[in-house]
Amino acid sequence: MAVKLKYIYLALILFVLFVLFASCSDKQLPFYNSSDFTPEWISHNNSKYDSIHTINEFRLINQNGEIVSSENLKDNIYIADFFFTSCTGICPVMTINMKKIHDKFINDNKLKILSFTVNPEVDDVGKLKEYSDKLGVKDDKWSFLTGTKKDIYTV
């Protein structure tokens, strides 16, 4: 399980870096992706391109105890990551990078950030609220999501 999480984190970091670098250049860059996390570079003209970097439909609870779903975000662009509040490894680095995106796009109402906990047994609404308050983020910009383990892992 730890090895799979490492590859999930790697894929997410590469995606965030891709977004950051793509915004700085007109050149379309290939990116790293595969469903089983086997290394594979994919360019925008690859036939697999349209089916990658997608999030399944979801309905979860945010740090304010409100329902957030793919349905009520359908007219937005959202960047997602997976984390847990007690993580001392890659999560803090990912969170710092996500905070940079949050701050850069603070006034863009169409861009949302979603952080899905992978440890819902610990990361309840109160814990997520404490975490988001510590970061000083706008709740309507960045949702920290929890729910059942099954629902989160389906995403």
N, C-alpha and C. Protein backbone atom coordinates (compact mmCIF):
# COMPACT_ATOMS: atom_id res chain seq x y z
N MET A 1 0.82 -1.20 0.00
CA MET A 1 0.00 0.00 0.00
C MET A 1 0.86 1.26 0.00
N ALA A 2 1.96 1.26 0.80
CA ALA A 2 2.83 2.42 0.88
C ALA A 2 3.49 2.71 -0.46
N VAL A 3 3.83 1.67 -1.20
CA VAL A 3 4.45 1.85 -2.51
C VAL A 3 3.45 2.49 -3.47
N LYS A 4 2.19 2.03 -3.44
CA LYS A 4 1.16 2.61 -4.31
C LYS A 4 0.95 4.08 -3.98
N LEU A 5 0.91 4.42 -2.69
CA LEU A 5 0.73 5.82 -2.30
C LEU A 5 1.89 6.67 -2.80
N LYS A 6 3.09 6.12 -2.76
CA LYS A 6 4.25 6.85 -3.26
C LYS A 6 4.07 7.20 -4.74
N TYR A 7 3.57 6.27 -5.52
CA TYR A 7 3.36 6.52 -6.93
C TYR A 7 2.20 7.48 -7.17
N ILE A 8 1.16 7.40 -6.33
CA ILE A 8 0.06 8.36 -6.43
C ILE A 8 0.58 9.76 -6.19
N TYR A 9 1.37 9.91 -5.13
CA TYR A 9 1.93 11.23 -4.82
C TYR A 9 2.82 11.72 -5.95
N LEU A 10 3.63 10.85 -6.51
CA LEU A 10 4.50 11.23 -7.62
C LEU A 10 3.67 11.72 -8.80
N ALA A 11 2.63 11.01 -9.15
CA ALA A 11 1.78 11.41 -10.27
C ALA A 11 1.12 12.75 -10.00
N LEU A 12 0.67 12.96 -8.78
CA LEU A 12 0.02 14.24 -8.45
C LEU A 12 1.01 15.39 -8.48
N ILE A 13 2.20 15.17 -7.98
CA ILE A 13 3.22 16.22 -8.01
C ILE A 13 3.57 16.57 -9.45
N LEU A 14 3.72 15.56 -10.27
CA LEU A 14 4.04 15.81 -11.67
C LEU A 14 2.91 16.57 -12.35
N PHE A 15 1.67 16.26 -12.00
CA PHE A 15 0.54 16.98 -12.58
C PHE A 15 0.56 18.44 -12.15
N VAL A 16 0.80 18.71 -10.87
CA VAL A 16 0.85 20.10 -10.39
C VAL A 16 1.99 20.84 -11.08
N LEU A 17 3.14 20.21 -11.19
CA LEU A 17 4.26 20.84 -11.89
C LEU A 17 3.91 21.12 -13.35
N PHE A 18 3.22 20.18 -13.97
CA PHE A 18 2.79 20.38 -15.35
C PHE A 18 1.90 21.60 -15.45
N VAL A 19 0.93 21.75 -14.56
CA VAL A 19 0.02 22.90 -14.57
C VAL A 19 0.81 24.19 -14.39
N LEU A 20 1.73 24.21 -13.44
CA LEU A 20 2.51 25.41 -13.20
C LEU A 20 3.38 25.78 -14.39
N PHE A 21 4.06 24.80 -14.97
CA PHE A 21 4.92 25.09 -16.11
C PHE A 21 4.10 25.41 -17.36
N ALA A 22 2.98 24.76 -17.55
CA ALA A 22 2.15 25.02 -18.72
C ALA A 22 1.63 26.44 -18.71
N SER A 23 1.37 26.98 -17.51
CA SER A 23 0.88 28.34 -17.44
C SER A 23 1.98 29.35 -17.77
N CYS A 24 3.22 28.91 -17.77
CA CYS A 24 4.35 29.80 -18.06
C CYS A 24 4.82 29.69 -19.50
N SER A 25 4.19 28.84 -20.27
CA SER A 25 4.68 28.60 -21.62
C SER A 25 3.52 28.30 -22.56
N ASP A 26 3.70 28.68 -23.82
CA ASP A 26 2.69 28.34 -24.82
C ASP A 26 2.90 26.94 -25.37
N LYS A 27 4.05 26.35 -25.09
CA LYS A 27 4.38 25.03 -25.60
C LYS A 27 3.64 23.95 -24.80
N GLN A 28 3.02 23.01 -25.49
CA GLN A 28 2.32 21.91 -24.85
C GLN A 28 3.33 20.86 -24.42
N LEU A 29 3.39 20.55 -23.13
CA LEU A 29 4.33 19.57 -22.61
C LEU A 29 3.67 18.21 -22.44
N PRO A 30 4.40 17.13 -22.66
CA PRO A 30 3.86 15.81 -22.34
C PRO A 30 3.85 15.63 -20.82
N PHE A 31 3.10 14.68 -20.32
CA PHE A 31 3.13 14.43 -18.88
C PHE A 31 3.07 12.96 -18.59
N TYR A 32 3.33 12.66 -17.34
CA TYR A 32 3.53 11.32 -16.85
C TYR A 32 2.22 10.76 -16.34
N ASN A 33 1.81 9.60 -16.84
CA ASN A 33 0.55 9.04 -16.38
C ASN A 33 0.39 7.59 -16.84
N SER A 34 -0.24 6.80 -16.00
CA SER A 34 -0.78 5.51 -16.39
C SER A 34 -1.68 5.04 -15.26
N SER A 35 -2.65 4.22 -15.58
CA SER A 35 -3.62 3.80 -14.57
C SER A 35 -3.00 2.91 -13.50
N ASP A 36 -1.94 2.19 -13.83
CA ASP A 36 -1.31 1.34 -12.82
C ASP A 36 0.01 1.93 -12.32
N PHE A 37 0.25 3.21 -12.66
CA PHE A 37 1.42 3.97 -12.23
C PHE A 37 2.73 3.44 -12.80
N THR A 38 2.64 2.70 -13.90
CA THR A 38 3.84 2.34 -14.64
C THR A 38 4.24 3.57 -15.44
N PRO A 39 5.51 3.95 -15.39
CA PRO A 39 5.93 5.18 -16.08
C PRO A 39 5.54 5.18 -17.56
N GLU A 40 4.94 6.27 -17.97
CA GLU A 40 4.54 6.42 -19.36
C GLU A 40 4.36 7.90 -19.66
N TRP A 41 5.08 8.42 -20.64
CA TRP A 41 4.90 9.82 -21.03
C TRP A 41 3.80 9.88 -22.07
N ILE A 42 2.89 10.81 -21.89
CA ILE A 42 1.75 10.93 -22.81
C ILE A 42 1.70 12.37 -23.33
N SER A 43 1.65 12.51 -24.63
CA SER A 43 1.54 13.84 -25.22
C SER A 43 0.07 14.14 -25.52
N HIS A 44 -0.24 15.38 -25.78
CA HIS A 44 -1.62 15.79 -25.99
C HIS A 44 -2.27 15.17 -27.23
N ASN A 45 -1.50 14.64 -28.16
CA ASN A 45 -2.09 14.02 -29.34
C ASN A 45 -2.18 12.49 -29.23
N ASN A 46 -1.88 11.94 -28.06
CA ASN A 46 -2.01 10.51 -27.81
C ASN A 46 -3.50 10.18 -27.65
N SER A 47 -3.94 9.03 -28.16
CA SER A 47 -5.36 8.66 -28.09
C SER A 47 -5.85 8.48 -26.65
N LYS A 48 -4.95 8.23 -25.71
CA LYS A 48 -5.33 8.06 -24.30
C LYS A 48 -5.54 9.40 -23.58
N TYR A 49 -5.14 10.49 -24.21
CA TYR A 49 -5.09 11.79 -23.55
C TYR A 49 -6.42 12.21 -22.93
N ASP A 50 -7.53 11.98 -23.63
CA ASP A 50 -8.84 12.44 -23.15
C ASP A 50 -9.37 11.66 -21.95
N SER A 51 -8.80 10.51 -21.65
CA SER A 51 -9.33 9.70 -20.55
C SER A 51 -8.45 9.74 -19.30
N ILE A 52 -7.48 10.62 -19.27
CA ILE A 52 -6.57 10.65 -18.12
C ILE A 52 -6.81 11.89 -17.28
N HIS A 53 -6.24 11.85 -16.10
CA HIS A 53 -6.35 12.96 -15.16
C HIS A 53 -7.80 13.35 -14.92
N THR A 54 -8.62 12.35 -14.71
CA THR A 54 -10.02 12.62 -14.39
C THR A 54 -10.33 12.09 -13.00
N ILE A 55 -11.29 12.70 -12.39
CA ILE A 55 -11.76 12.31 -11.07
C ILE A 55 -13.16 11.73 -11.24
N ASN A 56 -13.39 10.56 -10.66
CA ASN A 56 -14.73 9.98 -10.73
C ASN A 56 -15.72 10.87 -10.01
N GLU A 57 -17.00 10.65 -10.30
CA GLU A 57 -18.04 11.41 -9.60
C GLU A 57 -17.92 11.14 -8.11
N PHE A 58 -18.22 12.15 -7.31
CA PHE A 58 -18.10 12.01 -5.86
C PHE A 58 -19.12 12.91 -5.16
N ARG A 59 -19.34 12.60 -3.91
CA ARG A 59 -20.20 13.39 -3.02
C ARG A 59 -19.62 13.19 -1.62
N LEU A 60 -18.87 14.20 -1.14
CA LEU A 60 -18.16 14.09 0.12
C LEU A 60 -18.43 15.32 0.99
N ILE A 61 -17.84 15.35 2.16
CA ILE A 61 -18.07 16.43 3.13
C ILE A 61 -16.79 17.25 3.27
N ASN A 62 -16.94 18.59 3.25
CA ASN A 62 -15.76 19.44 3.37
C ASN A 62 -15.50 19.84 4.83
N GLN A 63 -14.50 20.69 5.02
CA GLN A 63 -14.06 21.11 6.34
C GLN A 63 -15.12 21.92 7.10
N ASN A 64 -16.16 22.34 6.43
CA ASN A 64 -17.25 23.07 7.08
C ASN A 64 -18.48 22.21 7.31
N GLY A 65 -18.36 20.91 7.00
CA GLY A 65 -19.49 20.00 7.16
C GLY A 65 -20.49 20.09 6.02
N GLU A 66 -20.11 20.73 4.93
CA GLU A 66 -20.99 20.90 3.77
C GLU A 66 -20.70 19.82 2.73
N ILE A 67 -21.73 19.45 1.99
CA ILE A 67 -21.58 18.49 0.90
C ILE A 67 -20.92 19.18 -0.28
N VAL A 68 -19.88 18.55 -0.80
CA VAL A 68 -19.23 18.99 -2.03
C VAL A 68 -19.29 17.81 -2.98
N SER A 69 -19.75 18.06 -4.20
CA SER A 69 -19.87 16.96 -5.15
C SER A 69 -19.36 17.39 -6.51
N SER A 70 -19.08 16.39 -7.32
CA SER A 70 -18.67 16.67 -8.70
C SER A 70 -19.80 17.40 -9.42
N GLU A 71 -21.02 17.13 -9.03
CA GLU A 71 -22.17 17.79 -9.66
C GLU A 71 -22.17 19.29 -9.39
N ASN A 72 -21.93 19.70 -8.14
CA ASN A 72 -21.96 21.15 -7.89
C ASN A 72 -20.66 21.85 -8.27
N LEU A 73 -19.69 21.12 -8.79
CA LEU A 73 -18.45 21.72 -9.30
C LEU A 73 -18.36 21.62 -10.82
N LYS A 74 -19.43 21.16 -11.47
CA LYS A 74 -19.35 20.84 -12.89
C LYS A 74 -18.99 22.02 -13.78
N ASP A 75 -19.25 23.25 -13.37
CA ASP A 75 -18.91 24.40 -14.20
C ASP A 75 -17.58 25.03 -13.81
N ASN A 76 -16.80 24.31 -13.00
CA ASN A 76 -15.52 24.82 -12.53
C ASN A 76 -14.37 23.96 -13.02
N ILE A 77 -13.20 24.52 -12.94
CA ILE A 77 -11.95 23.77 -13.12
C ILE A 77 -11.48 23.45 -11.73
N TYR A 78 -11.11 22.21 -11.47
CA TYR A 78 -10.58 21.93 -10.15
C TYR A 78 -9.33 21.08 -10.23
N ILE A 79 -8.44 21.39 -9.29
CA ILE A 79 -7.18 20.67 -9.13
C ILE A 79 -7.32 19.84 -7.87
N ALA A 80 -7.00 18.57 -7.96
CA ALA A 80 -7.21 17.67 -6.82
C ALA A 80 -5.90 17.03 -6.39
N ASP A 81 -5.83 16.78 -5.08
CA ASP A 81 -4.73 15.99 -4.56
C ASP A 81 -5.26 15.09 -3.45
N PHE A 82 -4.46 14.16 -3.05
CA PHE A 82 -4.80 13.22 -1.99
C PHE A 82 -3.75 13.36 -0.91
N PHE A 83 -4.19 13.41 0.34
CA PHE A 83 -3.28 13.70 1.45
C PHE A 83 -3.87 13.12 2.73
N PHE A 84 -3.18 13.31 3.85
CA PHE A 84 -3.77 13.13 5.17
C PHE A 84 -3.08 14.09 6.12
N THR A 85 -3.82 14.58 7.09
CA THR A 85 -3.34 15.69 7.93
C THR A 85 -2.13 15.34 8.77
N SER A 86 -1.94 14.08 9.11
CA SER A 86 -0.80 13.70 9.94
C SER A 86 0.41 13.26 9.12
N CYS A 87 0.34 13.38 7.83
CA CYS A 87 1.44 12.98 6.95
C CYS A 87 2.65 13.90 7.18
N THR A 88 3.80 13.27 7.30
CA THR A 88 5.04 14.05 7.46
C THR A 88 5.97 13.86 6.27
N GLY A 89 5.53 13.10 5.28
CA GLY A 89 6.35 12.84 4.10
C GLY A 89 6.13 13.86 3.02
N ILE A 90 5.51 13.44 1.93
CA ILE A 90 5.33 14.28 0.76
C ILE A 90 4.16 15.26 0.90
N CYS A 91 3.19 14.96 1.77
CA CYS A 91 1.99 15.80 1.89
C CYS A 91 2.29 17.27 2.18
N PRO A 92 3.16 17.59 3.13
CA PRO A 92 3.44 19.01 3.38
C PRO A 92 4.00 19.74 2.15
N VAL A 93 4.81 19.05 1.36
CA VAL A 93 5.35 19.65 0.14
C VAL A 93 4.23 19.89 -0.86
N MET A 94 3.36 18.89 -1.04
CA MET A 94 2.22 19.06 -1.95
C MET A 94 1.33 20.19 -1.47
N THR A 95 1.10 20.27 -0.17
CA THR A 95 0.23 21.31 0.37
C THR A 95 0.82 22.69 0.13
N ILE A 96 2.11 22.84 0.29
CA ILE A 96 2.77 24.12 0.01
C ILE A 96 2.57 24.51 -1.45
N ASN A 97 2.72 23.55 -2.34
CA ASN A 97 2.52 23.83 -3.77
C ASN A 97 1.06 24.15 -4.08
N MET A 98 0.14 23.44 -3.46
CA MET A 98 -1.28 23.73 -3.66
C MET A 98 -1.62 25.11 -3.10
N LYS A 99 -0.99 25.49 -2.01
CA LYS A 99 -1.22 26.83 -1.42
C LYS A 99 -0.74 27.91 -2.38
N LYS A 100 0.35 27.66 -3.09
CA LYS A 100 0.82 28.62 -4.09
C LYS A 100 -0.22 28.80 -5.19
N ILE A 101 -0.82 27.70 -5.63
CA ILE A 101 -1.88 27.77 -6.64
C ILE A 101 -3.07 28.53 -6.07
N HIS A 102 -3.46 28.19 -4.84
CA HIS A 102 -4.55 28.88 -4.15
C HIS A 102 -4.32 30.39 -4.16
N ASP A 103 -3.15 30.81 -3.76
CA ASP A 103 -2.84 32.24 -3.65
C ASP A 103 -2.79 32.92 -5.02
N LYS A 104 -2.23 32.22 -6.01
CA LYS A 104 -2.13 32.81 -7.35
C LYS A 104 -3.50 33.01 -7.99
N PHE A 105 -4.42 32.08 -7.73
CA PHE A 105 -5.74 32.13 -8.36
C PHE A 105 -6.84 32.51 -7.37
N ILE A 106 -6.49 33.21 -6.33
CA ILE A 106 -7.43 33.55 -5.25
C ILE A 106 -8.68 34.27 -5.77
N ASN A 107 -8.55 35.07 -6.80
CA ASN A 107 -9.69 35.83 -7.31
C ASN A 107 -10.36 35.18 -8.52
N ASP A 108 -9.92 34.01 -8.90
CA ASP A 108 -10.53 33.29 -10.02
C ASP A 108 -11.60 32.36 -9.46
N ASN A 109 -12.84 32.77 -9.58
CA ASN A 109 -13.95 32.00 -8.98
C ASN A 109 -14.23 30.69 -9.68
N LYS A 110 -13.68 30.47 -10.86
CA LYS A 110 -13.92 29.22 -11.60
C LYS A 110 -12.93 28.13 -11.23
N LEU A 111 -11.81 28.48 -10.59
CA LEU A 111 -10.81 27.49 -10.22
C LEU A 111 -10.99 27.09 -8.76
N LYS A 112 -11.11 25.80 -8.51
CA LYS A 112 -11.27 25.27 -7.16
C LYS A 112 -10.16 24.26 -6.89
N ILE A 113 -9.85 24.09 -5.62
CA ILE A 113 -8.85 23.10 -5.21
C ILE A 113 -9.54 22.11 -4.29
N LEU A 114 -9.30 20.83 -4.52
CA LEU A 114 -9.89 19.76 -3.72
C LEU A 114 -8.77 18.90 -3.15
N SER A 115 -8.76 18.72 -1.85
CA SER A 115 -7.81 17.82 -1.20
C SER A 115 -8.61 16.71 -0.54
N PHE A 116 -8.44 15.50 -1.05
CA PHE A 116 -9.15 14.33 -0.54
C PHE A 116 -8.28 13.63 0.49
N THR A 117 -8.77 13.47 1.72
CA THR A 117 -8.00 12.73 2.70
C THR A 117 -8.03 11.25 2.35
N VAL A 118 -6.92 10.58 2.56
CA VAL A 118 -6.86 9.13 2.38
C VAL A 118 -6.91 8.44 3.75
N ASN A 119 -7.16 9.22 4.79
CA ASN A 119 -7.24 8.69 6.14
C ASN A 119 -8.50 9.23 6.84
N PRO A 120 -9.68 8.88 6.30
CA PRO A 120 -10.91 9.46 6.84
C PRO A 120 -11.23 9.04 8.27
N GLU A 121 -10.61 7.95 8.73
CA GLU A 121 -10.84 7.53 10.11
C GLU A 121 -10.30 8.57 11.10
N VAL A 122 -9.27 9.28 10.71
CA VAL A 122 -8.66 10.32 11.55
C VAL A 122 -9.09 11.71 11.12
N ASP A 123 -9.12 11.94 9.82
CA ASP A 123 -9.39 13.27 9.27
C ASP A 123 -10.89 13.53 9.15
N ASP A 124 -11.51 13.81 10.30
CA ASP A 124 -12.92 14.16 10.30
C ASP A 124 -13.08 15.65 9.98
N VAL A 125 -14.30 16.14 9.96
CA VAL A 125 -14.58 17.52 9.61
C VAL A 125 -13.80 18.49 10.50
N GLY A 126 -13.79 18.25 11.81
CA GLY A 126 -13.09 19.13 12.74
C GLY A 126 -11.60 19.19 12.47
N LYS A 127 -11.01 18.05 12.20
CA LYS A 127 -9.57 17.98 11.91
C LYS A 127 -9.25 18.72 10.61
N LEU A 128 -10.11 18.54 9.60
CA LEU A 128 -9.90 19.21 8.32
C LEU A 128 -10.07 20.72 8.46
N LYS A 129 -11.01 21.16 9.29
CA LYS A 129 -11.23 22.59 9.52
C LYS A 129 -10.01 23.20 10.21
N GLU A 130 -9.49 22.52 11.19
CA GLU A 130 -8.29 22.97 11.89
C GLU A 130 -7.12 23.09 10.90
N TYR A 131 -6.99 22.11 10.03
CA TYR A 131 -5.92 22.09 9.03
C TYR A 131 -6.06 23.26 8.05
N SER A 132 -7.28 23.48 7.54
CA SER A 132 -7.48 24.56 6.57
C SER A 132 -7.31 25.93 7.23
N ASP A 133 -7.76 26.07 8.47
CA ASP A 133 -7.58 27.33 9.18
C ASP A 133 -6.09 27.64 9.39
N LYS A 134 -5.33 26.61 9.71
CA LYS A 134 -3.89 26.78 9.91
C LYS A 134 -3.22 27.27 8.62
N LEU A 135 -3.71 26.80 7.47
CA LEU A 135 -3.15 27.22 6.18
C LEU A 135 -3.62 28.62 5.78
N GLY A 136 -4.75 29.05 6.35
CA GLY A 136 -5.29 30.36 6.01
C GLY A 136 -5.87 30.44 4.62
N VAL A 137 -6.61 29.40 4.22
CA VAL A 137 -7.17 29.35 2.87
C VAL A 137 -8.64 29.79 2.87
N LYS A 138 -9.09 30.21 1.69
CA LYS A 138 -10.51 30.55 1.52
C LYS A 138 -11.29 29.25 1.36
N ASP A 139 -12.29 29.07 2.20
CA ASP A 139 -13.09 27.84 2.16
C ASP A 139 -13.82 27.64 0.84
N ASP A 140 -14.20 28.74 0.17
CA ASP A 140 -14.91 28.58 -1.10
C ASP A 140 -13.94 28.34 -2.27
N LYS A 141 -12.66 28.43 -2.01
CA LYS A 141 -11.63 28.16 -3.03
C LYS A 141 -11.06 26.74 -2.87
N TRP A 142 -10.84 26.31 -1.61
CA TRP A 142 -10.14 25.06 -1.35
C TRP A 142 -10.96 24.21 -0.38
N SER A 143 -11.40 23.07 -0.83
CA SER A 143 -12.17 22.14 0.01
C SER A 143 -11.30 20.96 0.40
N PHE A 144 -11.26 20.68 1.70
CA PHE A 144 -10.61 19.49 2.24
C PHE A 144 -11.73 18.50 2.49
N LEU A 145 -11.67 17.36 1.82
CA LEU A 145 -12.82 16.46 1.76
C LEU A 145 -12.60 15.15 2.50
N THR A 146 -13.66 14.70 3.15
CA THR A 146 -13.66 13.41 3.82
C THR A 146 -14.98 12.71 3.54
N GLY A 147 -15.04 11.47 3.91
CA GLY A 147 -16.22 10.63 3.72
C GLY A 147 -15.85 9.22 4.11
N THR A 148 -16.55 8.27 3.56
CA THR A 148 -16.18 6.89 3.84
C THR A 148 -14.93 6.52 3.04
N LYS A 149 -14.19 5.60 3.56
CA LYS A 149 -12.97 5.16 2.87
C LYS A 149 -13.32 4.66 1.46
N LYS A 150 -14.41 3.92 1.37
CA LYS A 150 -14.84 3.37 0.08
C LYS A 150 -15.12 4.50 -0.92
N ASP A 151 -15.85 5.54 -0.48
CA ASP A 151 -16.17 6.64 -1.37
C ASP A 151 -14.93 7.41 -1.81
N ILE A 152 -14.01 7.61 -0.89
CA ILE A 152 -12.79 8.35 -1.22
C ILE A 152 -11.92 7.54 -2.16
N TYR A 153 -11.76 6.26 -1.88
CA TYR A 153 -10.88 5.44 -2.71
C TYR A 153 -11.50 5.17 -4.08
N THR A 154 -12.79 5.34 -4.23
CA THR A 154 -13.44 5.22 -5.54
C THR A 154 -13.08 6.40 -6.42
N VAL A 155 -12.86 7.57 -5.80
CA VAL A 155 -12.50 8.77 -6.55
C VAL A 155 -11.21 8.51 -7.31
